[in-house]
């Protein structure tokens, strides 16, 4: 048991030396939401949402976060990127 614990500590240290980050930092990235999941969550659409639902959700979000309405330009860019990602993904899923 002690050998296994020592091996895990040594492997963690080696990962830190090789990559500059502890192993659990890498694990968190691997288990986090995918870009598509983050885009769906940002726009508030379901996994099966069609083109119209994505565009409508984007318009509603932009109306809330646009700088002219006191929002932030970075949020507008995030919303645009989310819309573009979901529409591109929709196009590849339908074969168009």
PDB file of N, CA and C in Angstrom:
ATOM      1  N   UNK A   1       0.825  -1.196   0.000  1.00  0.00           N
ATOM      2  CA  UNK A   1       0.000   0.000   0.000  1.00  0.00           C
ATOM      3  C   UNK A   1       0.869   1.260   0.000  1.00  0.00           C
ATOM      4  N   UNK A   2       1.926   1.230   0.790  1.00  0.00           N
ATOM      5  CA  UNK A   2       2.824   2.372   0.868  1.00  0.00           C
ATOM      6  C   UNK A   2       3.527   2.562  -0.477  1.00  0.00           C
ATOM      7  N   UNK A   3       3.873   1.453  -1.118  1.00  0.00           N
ATOM      8  CA  UNK A   3       4.530   1.540  -2.426  1.00  0.00           C
ATOM      9  C   UNK A   3       3.603   2.193  -3.455  1.00  0.00           C
ATOM     10  N   UNK A   4       2.339   1.844  -3.426  1.00  0.00           N
ATOM     11  CA  UNK A   4       1.373   2.424  -4.351  1.00  0.00           C
ATOM     12  C   UNK A   4       1.215   3.923  -4.105  1.00  0.00           C
ATOM     13  N   UNK A   5       1.123   4.304  -2.854  1.00  0.00           N
ATOM     14  CA  UNK A   5       1.014   5.719  -2.507  1.00  0.00           C
ATOM     15  C   UNK A   5       2.255   6.489  -2.950  1.00  0.00           C
ATOM     16  N   UNK A   6       3.407   5.923  -2.721  1.00  0.00           N
ATOM     17  CA  UNK A   6       4.658   6.547  -3.144  1.00  0.00           C
ATOM     18  C   UNK A   6       4.718   6.671  -4.663  1.00  0.00           C
ATOM     19  N   UNK A   7       4.257   5.651  -5.353  1.00  0.00           N
ATOM     20  CA  UNK A   7       4.224   5.680  -6.816  1.00  0.00           C
ATOM     21  C   UNK A   7       3.290   6.784  -7.323  1.00  0.00           C
ATOM     22  N   UNK A   8       2.125   6.946  -6.695  1.00  0.00           N
ATOM     23  CA  UNK A   8       1.193   7.998  -7.089  1.00  0.00           C
ATOM     24  C   UNK A   8       1.775   9.391  -6.840  1.00  0.00           C
ATOM     25  N   UNK A   9       2.437   9.562  -5.717  1.00  0.00           N
ATOM     26  CA  UNK A   9       3.074  10.844  -5.420  1.00  0.00           C
ATOM     27  C   UNK A   9       4.164  11.136  -6.443  1.00  0.00           C
ATOM     28  N   UNK A  10       4.969  10.154  -6.741  1.00  0.00           N
ATOM     29  CA  UNK A  10       6.038  10.321  -7.720  1.00  0.00           C
ATOM     30  C   UNK A  10       5.480  10.618  -9.116  1.00  0.00           C
ATOM     31  N   UNK A  11       4.419   9.935  -9.501  1.00  0.00           N
ATOM     32  CA  UNK A  11       3.794  10.177 -10.807  1.00  0.00           C
ATOM     33  C   UNK A  11       3.198  11.573 -10.871  1.00  0.00           C
ATOM     34  N   UNK A  12       2.586  12.024  -9.782  1.00  0.00           N
ATOM     35  CA  UNK A  12       2.037  13.382  -9.745  1.00  0.00           C
ATOM     36  C   UNK A  12       3.143  14.416  -9.866  1.00  0.00           C
ATOM     37  N   UNK A  13       4.225  14.195  -9.151  1.00  0.00           N
ATOM     38  CA  UNK A  13       5.361  15.113  -9.217  1.00  0.00           C
ATOM     39  C   UNK A  13       5.952  15.136 -10.623  1.00  0.00           C
ATOM     40  N   UNK A  14       6.077  13.967 -11.250  1.00  0.00           N
ATOM     41  CA  UNK A  14       6.610  13.893 -12.609  1.00  0.00           C
ATOM     42  C   UNK A  14       5.708  14.631 -13.589  1.00  0.00           C
ATOM     43  N   UNK A  15       4.418  14.498 -13.428  1.00  0.00           N
ATOM     44  CA  UNK A  15       3.476  15.224 -14.285  1.00  0.00           C
ATOM     45  C   UNK A  15       3.651  16.719 -14.099  1.00  0.00           C
ATOM     46  N   UNK A  16       3.820  17.146 -12.867  1.00  0.00           N
ATOM     47  CA  UNK A  16       4.019  18.573 -12.565  1.00  0.00           C
ATOM     48  C   UNK A  16       5.298  19.092 -13.214  1.00  0.00           C
ATOM     49  N   UNK A  17       6.345  18.304 -13.164  1.00  0.00           N
ATOM     50  CA  UNK A  17       7.620  18.710 -13.752  1.00  0.00           C
ATOM     51  C   UNK A  17       7.558  18.726 -15.274  1.00  0.00           C
ATOM     52  N   UNK A  18       6.860  17.759 -15.840  1.00  0.00           N
ATOM     53  CA  UNK A  18       6.820  17.630 -17.295  1.00  0.00           C
ATOM     54  C   UNK A  18       5.882  18.638 -17.948  1.00  0.00           C
ATOM     55  N   UNK A  19       4.692  18.827 -17.366  1.00  0.00           N
ATOM     56  CA  UNK A  19       3.686  19.697 -17.987  1.00  0.00           C
ATOM     57  C   UNK A  19       3.546  21.045 -17.304  1.00  0.00           C
ATOM     58  N   UNK A  20       4.075  21.181 -16.095  1.00  0.00           N
ATOM     59  CA  UNK A  20       3.940  22.431 -15.363  1.00  0.00           C
ATOM     60  C   UNK A  20       2.640  22.528 -14.593  1.00  0.00           C
ATOM     61  N   UNK A  21       1.840  21.466 -14.598  1.00  0.00           N
ATOM     62  CA  UNK A  21       0.565  21.458 -13.873  1.00  0.00           C
ATOM     63  C   UNK A  21       0.374  20.108 -13.206  1.00  0.00           C
ATOM     64  N   UNK A  22      -0.350  20.140 -12.110  1.00  0.00           N
ATOM     65  CA  UNK A  22      -0.658  18.899 -11.409  1.00  0.00           C
ATOM     66  C   UNK A  22      -1.647  18.075 -12.237  1.00  0.00           C
ATOM     67  N   UNK A  23      -1.655  16.772 -12.069  1.00  0.00           N
ATOM     68  CA  UNK A  23      -2.538  15.914 -12.879  1.00  0.00           C
ATOM     69  C   UNK A  23      -4.015  16.254 -12.747  1.00  0.00           C
ATOM     70  N   UNK A  24      -4.446  16.640 -11.562  1.00  0.00           N
ATOM     71  CA  UNK A  24      -5.879  16.917 -11.363  1.00  0.00           C
ATOM     72  C   UNK A  24      -6.337  18.152 -12.131  1.00  0.00           C
ATOM     73  N   UNK A  25      -5.429  19.030 -12.497  1.00  0.00           N
ATOM     74  CA  UNK A  25      -5.791  20.168 -13.339  1.00  0.00           C
ATOM     75  C   UNK A  25      -6.172  19.659 -14.729  1.00  0.00           C
ATOM     76  N   UNK A  26      -5.418  18.706 -15.227  1.00  0.00           N
ATOM     77  CA  UNK A  26      -5.732  18.109 -16.530  1.00  0.00           C
ATOM     78  C   UNK A  26      -7.051  17.337 -16.476  1.00  0.00           C
ATOM     79  N   UNK A  27      -7.292  16.632 -15.376  1.00  0.00           N
ATOM     80  CA  UNK A  27      -8.528  15.857 -15.239  1.00  0.00           C
ATOM     81  C   UNK A  27      -9.744  16.762 -15.220  1.00  0.00           C
ATOM     82  N   UNK A  28      -9.623  17.927 -14.579  1.00  0.00           N
ATOM     83  CA  UNK A  28     -10.751  18.850 -14.538  1.00  0.00           C
ATOM     84  C   UNK A  28     -11.098  19.327 -15.938  1.00  0.00           C
ATOM     85  N   UNK A  29     -10.091  19.584 -16.751  1.00  0.00           N
ATOM     86  CA  UNK A  29     -10.359  20.030 -18.123  1.00  0.00           C
ATOM     87  C   UNK A  29     -11.028  18.934 -18.931  1.00  0.00           C
ATOM     88  N   UNK A  30     -10.622  17.699 -18.710  1.00  0.00           N
ATOM     89  CA  UNK A  30     -11.190  16.593 -19.474  1.00  0.00           C
ATOM     90  C   UNK A  30     -12.632  16.308 -19.076  1.00  0.00           C
ATOM     91  N   UNK A  31     -12.991  16.596 -17.834  1.00  0.00           N
ATOM     92  CA  UNK A  31     -14.333  16.262 -17.376  1.00  0.00           C
ATOM     93  C   UNK A  31     -15.287  17.446 -17.424  1.00  0.00           C
ATOM     94  N   UNK A  32     -14.801  18.616 -17.808  1.00  0.00           N
ATOM     95  CA  UNK A  32     -15.649  19.801 -17.869  1.00  0.00           C
ATOM     96  C   UNK A  32     -16.580  19.749 -19.074  1.00  0.00           C
ATOM     97  N   UNK A  33     -17.472  20.717 -19.165  1.00  0.00           N
ATOM     98  CA  UNK A  33     -18.403  20.740 -20.292  1.00  0.00           C
ATOM     99  C   UNK A  33     -17.671  21.003 -21.611  1.00  0.00           C
ATOM    100  N   UNK A  34     -18.181  20.413 -22.662  1.00  0.00           N
ATOM    101  CA  UNK A  34     -17.602  20.619 -23.980  1.00  0.00           C
ATOM    102  C   UNK A  34     -17.988  22.000 -24.490  1.00  0.00           C
ATOM    103  N   UNK A  35     -17.298  22.491 -25.512  1.00  0.00           N
ATOM    104  CA  UNK A  35     -17.673  23.796 -26.068  1.00  0.00           C
ATOM    105  C   UNK A  35     -19.124  23.840 -26.538  1.00  0.00           C
ATOM    106  N   UNK A  36     -19.618  22.743 -27.096  1.00  0.00           N
ATOM    107  CA  UNK A  36     -21.007  22.706 -27.549  1.00  0.00           C
ATOM    108  C   UNK A  36     -21.957  22.794 -26.361  1.00  0.00           C
ATOM    109  N   UNK A  37     -21.643  22.096 -25.279  1.00  0.00           N
ATOM    110  CA  UNK A  37     -22.491  22.166 -24.081  1.00  0.00           C
ATOM    111  C   UNK A  37     -22.489  23.572 -23.495  1.00  0.00           C
ATOM    112  N   UNK A  38     -21.307  24.213 -23.472  1.00  0.00           N
ATOM    113  CA  UNK A  38     -21.242  25.585 -22.962  1.00  0.00           C
ATOM    114  C   UNK A  38     -22.041  26.530 -23.849  1.00  0.00           C
ATOM    115  N   UNK A  39     -21.979  26.332 -25.175  1.00  0.00           N
ATOM    116  CA  UNK A  39     -22.728  27.187 -26.099  1.00  0.00           C
ATOM    117  C   UNK A  39     -24.230  27.005 -25.895  1.00  0.00           C
ATOM    118  N   UNK A  40     -24.670  25.762 -25.739  1.00  0.00           N
ATOM    119  CA  UNK A  40     -26.098  25.511 -25.489  1.00  0.00           C
ATOM    120  C   UNK A  40     -26.548  26.151 -24.189  1.00  0.00           C
ATOM    121  N   UNK A  41     -25.721  26.025 -23.171  1.00  0.00           N
ATOM    122  CA  UNK A  41     -26.067  26.600 -21.869  1.00  0.00           C
ATOM    123  C   UNK A  41     -26.130  28.125 -21.943  1.00  0.00           C
ATOM    124  N   UNK A  42     -25.181  28.731 -22.647  1.00  0.00           N
ATOM    125  CA  UNK A  42     -25.164  30.186 -22.766  1.00  0.00           C
ATOM    126  C   UNK A  42     -26.412  30.697 -23.475  1.00  0.00           C
ATOM    127  N   UNK A  43     -26.776  30.029 -24.567  1.00  0.00           N
ATOM    128  CA  UNK A  43     -27.950  30.458 -25.323  1.00  0.00           C
ATOM    129  C   UNK A  43     -29.256  29.944 -24.718  1.00  0.00           C
ATOM    130  N   UNK A  44     -29.171  28.954 -23.870  1.00  0.00           N
ATOM    131  CA  UNK A  44     -30.369  28.423 -23.234  1.00  0.00           C
ATOM    132  C   UNK A  44     -31.200  27.559 -24.162  1.00  0.00           C
ATOM    133  N   UNK A  45     -30.533  26.775 -25.026  1.00  0.00           N
ATOM    134  CA  UNK A  45     -31.256  25.900 -25.946  1.00  0.00           C
ATOM    135  C   UNK A  45     -30.972  24.444 -25.599  1.00  0.00           C
ATOM    136  N   UNK A  46     -31.893  23.581 -25.971  1.00  0.00           N
ATOM    137  CA  UNK A  46     -31.752  22.154 -25.735  1.00  0.00           C
ATOM    138  C   UNK A  46     -30.847  21.526 -26.796  1.00  0.00           C
ATOM    139  N   UNK A  47     -30.462  20.289 -26.566  1.00  0.00           N
ATOM    140  CA  UNK A  47     -29.560  19.585 -27.476  1.00  0.00           C
ATOM    141  C   UNK A  47     -30.168  19.421 -28.873  1.00  0.00           C
ATOM    142  N   UNK A  48     -31.455  19.265 -28.983  1.00  0.00           N
ATOM    143  CA  UNK A  48     -32.081  19.057 -30.280  1.00  0.00           C
ATOM    144  C   UNK A  48     -32.596  20.325 -30.936  1.00  0.00           C
ATOM    145  N   UNK A  49     -32.153  21.478 -30.458  1.00  0.00           N
ATOM    146  CA  UNK A  49     -32.665  22.753 -30.973  1.00  0.00           C
ATOM    147  C   UNK A  49     -32.318  22.925 -32.449  1.00  0.00           C
ATOM    148  N   UNK A  50     -33.277  23.436 -33.197  1.00  0.00           N
ATOM    149  CA  UNK A  50     -33.076  23.682 -34.616  1.00  0.00           C
ATOM    150  C   UNK A  50     -32.524  25.070 -34.881  1.00  0.00           C
ATOM    151  N   UNK A  51     -32.352  25.357 -36.147  1.00  0.00           N
ATOM    152  CA  UNK A  51     -31.776  26.641 -36.568  1.00  0.00           C
ATOM    153  C   UNK A  51     -32.582  27.835 -36.036  1.00  0.00           C
ATOM    154  N   UNK A  52     -33.879  27.767 -36.161  1.00  0.00           N
ATOM    155  CA  UNK A  52     -34.727  28.866 -35.715  1.00  0.00           C
ATOM    156  C   UNK A  52     -34.634  29.111 -34.214  1.00  0.00           C
ATOM    157  N   UNK A  53     -34.607  28.039 -33.437  1.00  0.00           N
ATOM    158  CA  UNK A  53     -34.519  28.176 -31.978  1.00  0.00           C
ATOM    159  C   UNK A  53     -33.172  28.764 -31.568  1.00  0.00           C
ATOM    160  N   UNK A  54     -32.113  28.367 -32.249  1.00  0.00           N
ATOM    161  CA  UNK A  54     -30.779  28.890 -31.942  1.00  0.00           C
ATOM    162  C   UNK A  54     -30.712  30.379 -32.261  1.00  0.00           C
ATOM    163  N   UNK A  55     -31.219  30.761 -33.422  1.00  0.00           N
ATOM    164  CA  UNK A  55     -31.185  32.170 -33.826  1.00  0.00           C
ATOM    165  C   UNK A  55     -32.047  33.011 -32.896  1.00  0.00           C
ATOM    166  N   UNK A  56     -33.206  32.522 -32.525  1.00  0.00           N
ATOM    167  CA  UNK A  56     -34.091  33.265 -31.623  1.00  0.00           C
ATOM    168  C   UNK A  56     -33.456  33.432 -30.244  1.00  0.00           C
ATOM    169  N   UNK A  57     -32.858  32.370 -29.739  1.00  0.00           N
ATOM    170  CA  UNK A  57     -32.197  32.447 -28.431  1.00  0.00           C
ATOM    171  C   UNK A  57     -31.025  33.430 -28.479  1.00  0.00           C
ATOM    172  N   UNK A  58     -30.315  33.447 -29.589  1.00  0.00           N
ATOM    173  CA  UNK A  58     -29.196  34.382 -29.756  1.00  0.00           C
ATOM    174  C   UNK A  58     -29.695  35.825 -29.751  1.00  0.00           C
ATOM    175  N   UNK A  59     -30.773  36.073 -30.460  1.00  0.00           N
ATOM    176  CA  UNK A  59     -31.327  37.434 -30.501  1.00  0.00           C
ATOM    177  C   UNK A  59     -31.742  37.906 -29.109  1.00  0.00           C
ATOM    178  N   UNK A  60     -32.378  37.028 -28.347  1.00  0.00           N
ATOM    179  CA  UNK A  60     -32.802  37.391 -26.991  1.00  0.00           C
ATOM    180  C   UNK A  60     -31.608  37.679 -26.094  1.00  0.00           C
ATOM    181  N   UNK A  61     -30.578  36.869 -26.219  1.00  0.00           N
ATOM    182  CA  UNK A  61     -29.386  37.080 -25.399  1.00  0.00           C
ATOM    183  C   UNK A  61     -28.688  38.377 -25.780  1.00  0.00           C
ATOM    184  N   UNK A  62     -28.552  38.638 -27.072  1.00  0.00           N
ATOM    185  CA  UNK A  62     -27.901  39.866 -27.533  1.00  0.00           C
ATOM    186  C   UNK A  62     -28.670  41.091 -27.053  1.00  0.00           C
ATOM    187  N   UNK A  63     -29.992  41.010 -27.055  1.00  0.00           N
ATOM    188  CA  UNK A  63     -30.797  42.140 -26.582  1.00  0.00           C
ATOM    189  C   UNK A  63     -30.503  42.457 -25.117  1.00  0.00           C
ATOM    190  N   UNK A  64     -30.123  41.443 -24.333  1.00  0.00           N
ATOM    191  CA  UNK A  64     -29.820  41.658 -22.917  1.00  0.00           C
ATOM    192  C   UNK A  64     -28.383  42.101 -22.669  1.00  0.00           C
ATOM    193  N   UNK A  65     -27.416  41.600 -23.457  1.00  0.00           N
ATOM    194  CA  UNK A  65     -26.005  41.827 -23.126  1.00  0.00           C
ATOM    195  C   UNK A  65     -25.310  42.834 -24.031  1.00  0.00           C
ATOM    196  N   UNK A  66     -26.011  43.423 -24.981  1.00  0.00           N
ATOM    197  CA  UNK A  66     -25.374  44.358 -25.917  1.00  0.00           C
ATOM    198  C   UNK A  66     -24.864  45.591 -25.169  1.00  0.00           C
ATOM    199  N   UNK A  67     -23.696  46.115 -25.568  1.00  0.00           N
ATOM    200  CA  UNK A  67     -23.142  47.297 -24.902  1.00  0.00           C
ATOM    201  C   UNK A  67     -24.063  48.521 -24.939  1.00  0.00           C
ATOM    202  N   UNK A  68     -24.868  48.647 -25.958  1.00  0.00           N
ATOM    203  CA  UNK A  68     -25.811  49.764 -26.027  1.00  0.00           C
ATOM    204  C   UNK A  68     -26.867  49.677 -24.927  1.00  0.00           C
ATOM    205  N   UNK A  69     -27.029  48.502 -24.365  1.00  0.00           N
ATOM    206  CA  UNK A  69     -28.001  48.295 -23.287  1.00  0.00           C
ATOM    207  C   UNK A  69     -27.316  48.142 -21.933  1.00  0.00           C
ATOM    208  N   UNK A  70     -26.061  48.547 -21.870  1.00  0.00           N
ATOM    209  CA  UNK A  70     -25.318  48.460 -20.618  1.00  0.00           C
ATOM    210  C   UNK A  70     -24.603  47.139 -20.417  1.00  0.00           C
ATOM    211  N   UNK A  71     -24.560  46.328 -21.458  1.00  0.00           N
ATOM    212  CA  UNK A  71     -23.889  45.039 -21.361  1.00  0.00           C
ATOM    213  C   UNK A  71     -22.410  45.142 -21.675  1.00  0.00           C
ATOM    214  N   UNK A  72     -21.830  44.021 -21.988  1.00  0.00           N
ATOM    215  CA  UNK A  72     -20.396  43.922 -22.212  1.00  0.00           C
ATOM    216  C   UNK A  72     -20.125  43.372 -23.607  1.00  0.00           C
ATOM    217  N   UNK A  73     -19.167  43.984 -24.304  1.00  0.00           N
ATOM    218  CA  UNK A  73     -18.831  43.546 -25.654  1.00  0.00           C
ATOM    219  C   UNK A  73     -18.305  42.108 -25.657  1.00  0.00           C
ATOM    220  N   UNK A  74     -17.613  41.715 -24.607  1.00  0.00           N
ATOM    221  CA  UNK A  74     -17.098  40.350 -24.534  1.00  0.00           C
ATOM    222  C   UNK A  74     -18.235  39.333 -24.514  1.00  0.00           C
ATOM    223  N   UNK A  75     -19.325  39.677 -23.836  1.00  0.00           N
ATOM    224  CA  UNK A  75     -20.479  38.776 -23.807  1.00  0.00           C
ATOM    225  C   UNK A  75     -21.134  38.670 -25.176  1.00  0.00           C
ATOM    226  N   UNK A  76     -21.114  39.757 -25.922  1.00  0.00           N
ATOM    227  CA  UNK A  76     -21.654  39.717 -27.285  1.00  0.00           C
ATOM    228  C   UNK A  76     -20.819  38.771 -28.136  1.00  0.00           C
ATOM    229  N   UNK A  77     -19.504  38.856 -27.988  1.00  0.00           N
ATOM    230  CA  UNK A  77     -18.631  37.958 -28.753  1.00  0.00           C
ATOM    231  C   UNK A  77     -18.848  36.498 -28.353  1.00  0.00           C
ATOM    232  N   UNK A  78     -19.020  36.254 -27.066  1.00  0.00           N
ATOM    233  CA  UNK A  78     -19.299  34.891 -26.611  1.00  0.00           C
ATOM    234  C   UNK A  78     -20.612  34.381 -27.188  1.00  0.00           C
ATOM    235  N   UNK A  79     -21.630  35.234 -27.195  1.00  0.00           N
ATOM    236  CA  UNK A  79     -22.929  34.840 -27.739  1.00  0.00           C
ATOM    237  C   UNK A  79     -22.823  34.556 -29.236  1.00  0.00           C
ATOM    238  N   UNK A  80     -22.093  35.392 -29.948  1.00  0.00           N
ATOM    239  CA  UNK A  80     -21.910  35.177 -31.384  1.00  0.00           C
ATOM    240  C   UNK A  80     -21.150  33.881 -31.655  1.00  0.00           C
ATOM    241  N   UNK A  81     -20.106  33.636 -30.876  1.00  0.00           N
ATOM    242  CA  UNK A  81     -19.338  32.400 -31.040  1.00  0.00           C
ATOM    243  C   UNK A  81     -20.199  31.175 -30.736  1.00  0.00           C
ATOM    244  N   UNK A  82     -21.035  31.277 -29.697  1.00  0.00           N
ATOM    245  CA  UNK A  82     -21.914  30.167 -29.337  1.00  0.00           C
ATOM    246  C   UNK A  82     -22.903  29.886 -30.472  1.00  0.00           C
ATOM    247  N   UNK A  83     -23.500  30.954 -31.007  1.00  0.00           N
ATOM    248  CA  UNK A  83     -24.439  30.790 -32.120  1.00  0.00           C
ATOM    249  C   UNK A  83     -23.746  30.155 -33.319  1.00  0.00           C
ATOM    250  N   UNK A  84     -22.580  30.670 -33.674  1.00  0.00           N
ATOM    251  CA  UNK A  84     -21.855  30.151 -34.836  1.00  0.00           C
ATOM    252  C   UNK A  84     -21.485  28.679 -34.654  1.00  0.00           C
ATOM    253  N   UNK A  85     -21.037  28.327 -33.451  1.00  0.00           N
ATOM    254  CA  UNK A  85     -20.667  26.943 -33.181  1.00  0.00           C
ATOM    255  C   UNK A  85     -21.863  26.019 -33.317  1.00  0.00           C
ATOM    256  N   UNK A  86     -22.990  26.405 -32.723  1.00  0.00           N
ATOM    257  CA  UNK A  86     -24.169  25.538 -32.776  1.00  0.00           C
ATOM    258  C   UNK A  86     -24.736  25.438 -34.186  1.00  0.00           C
ATOM    259  N   UNK A  87     -24.727  26.537 -34.923  1.00  0.00           N
ATOM    260  CA  UNK A  87     -25.223  26.479 -36.301  1.00  0.00           C
ATOM    261  C   UNK A  87     -24.302  25.648 -37.184  1.00  0.00           C
ATOM    262  N   UNK A  88     -23.004  25.776 -36.979  1.00  0.00           N
ATOM    263  CA  UNK A  88     -22.060  24.957 -37.758  1.00  0.00           C
ATOM    264  C   UNK A  88     -22.231  23.487 -37.411  1.00  0.00           C
ATOM    265  N   UNK A  89     -22.407  23.202 -36.149  1.00  0.00           N
ATOM    266  CA  UNK A  89     -22.619  21.823 -35.705  1.00  0.00           C
ATOM    267  C   UNK A  89     -23.923  21.269 -36.270  1.00  0.00           C
ATOM    268  N   UNK A  90     -24.940  22.109 -36.307  1.00  0.00           N
ATOM    269  CA  UNK A  90     -26.226  21.705 -36.866  1.00  0.00           C
ATOM    270  C   UNK A  90     -26.078  21.366 -38.346  1.00  0.00           C
ATOM    271  N   UNK A  91     -25.283  22.167 -39.060  1.00  0.00           N
ATOM    272  CA  UNK A  91     -25.055  21.917 -40.481  1.00  0.00           C
ATOM    273  C   UNK A  91     -24.324  20.621 -40.738  1.00  0.00           C
ATOM    274  N   UNK A  92     -23.360  20.265 -39.872  1.00  0.00           N
ATOM    275  CA  UNK A  92     -22.619  19.018 -40.075  1.00  0.00           C
ATOM    276  C   UNK A  92     -23.449  17.807 -39.677  1.00  0.00           C
ATOM    277  N   UNK A  93     -24.368  17.979 -38.728  1.00  0.00           N
ATOM    278  CA  UNK A  93     -25.206  16.853 -38.308  1.00  0.00           C
ATOM    279  C   UNK A  93     -26.253  16.513 -39.358  1.00  0.00           C
ATOM    280  N   UNK A  94     -26.704  17.534 -40.098  1.00  0.00           N
ATOM    281  CA  UNK A  94     -27.729  17.275 -41.105  1.00  0.00           C
ATOM    282  C   UNK A  94     -27.122  16.985 -42.470  1.00  0.00           C
ATOM    283  N   UNK A  95     -25.784  17.156 -42.577  1.00  0.00           N
ATOM    284  CA  UNK A  95     -25.121  16.855 -43.829  1.00  0.00           C
ATOM    285  C   UNK A  95     -25.160  17.974 -44.837  1.00  0.00           C
ATOM    286  N   UNK A  96     -25.515  19.202 -44.438  1.00  0.00           N
ATOM    287  CA  UNK A  96     -25.545  20.324 -45.375  1.00  0.00           C
ATOM    288  C   UNK A  96     -24.277  21.117 -45.299  1.00  0.00           C
TER     289      UNK A  96
END
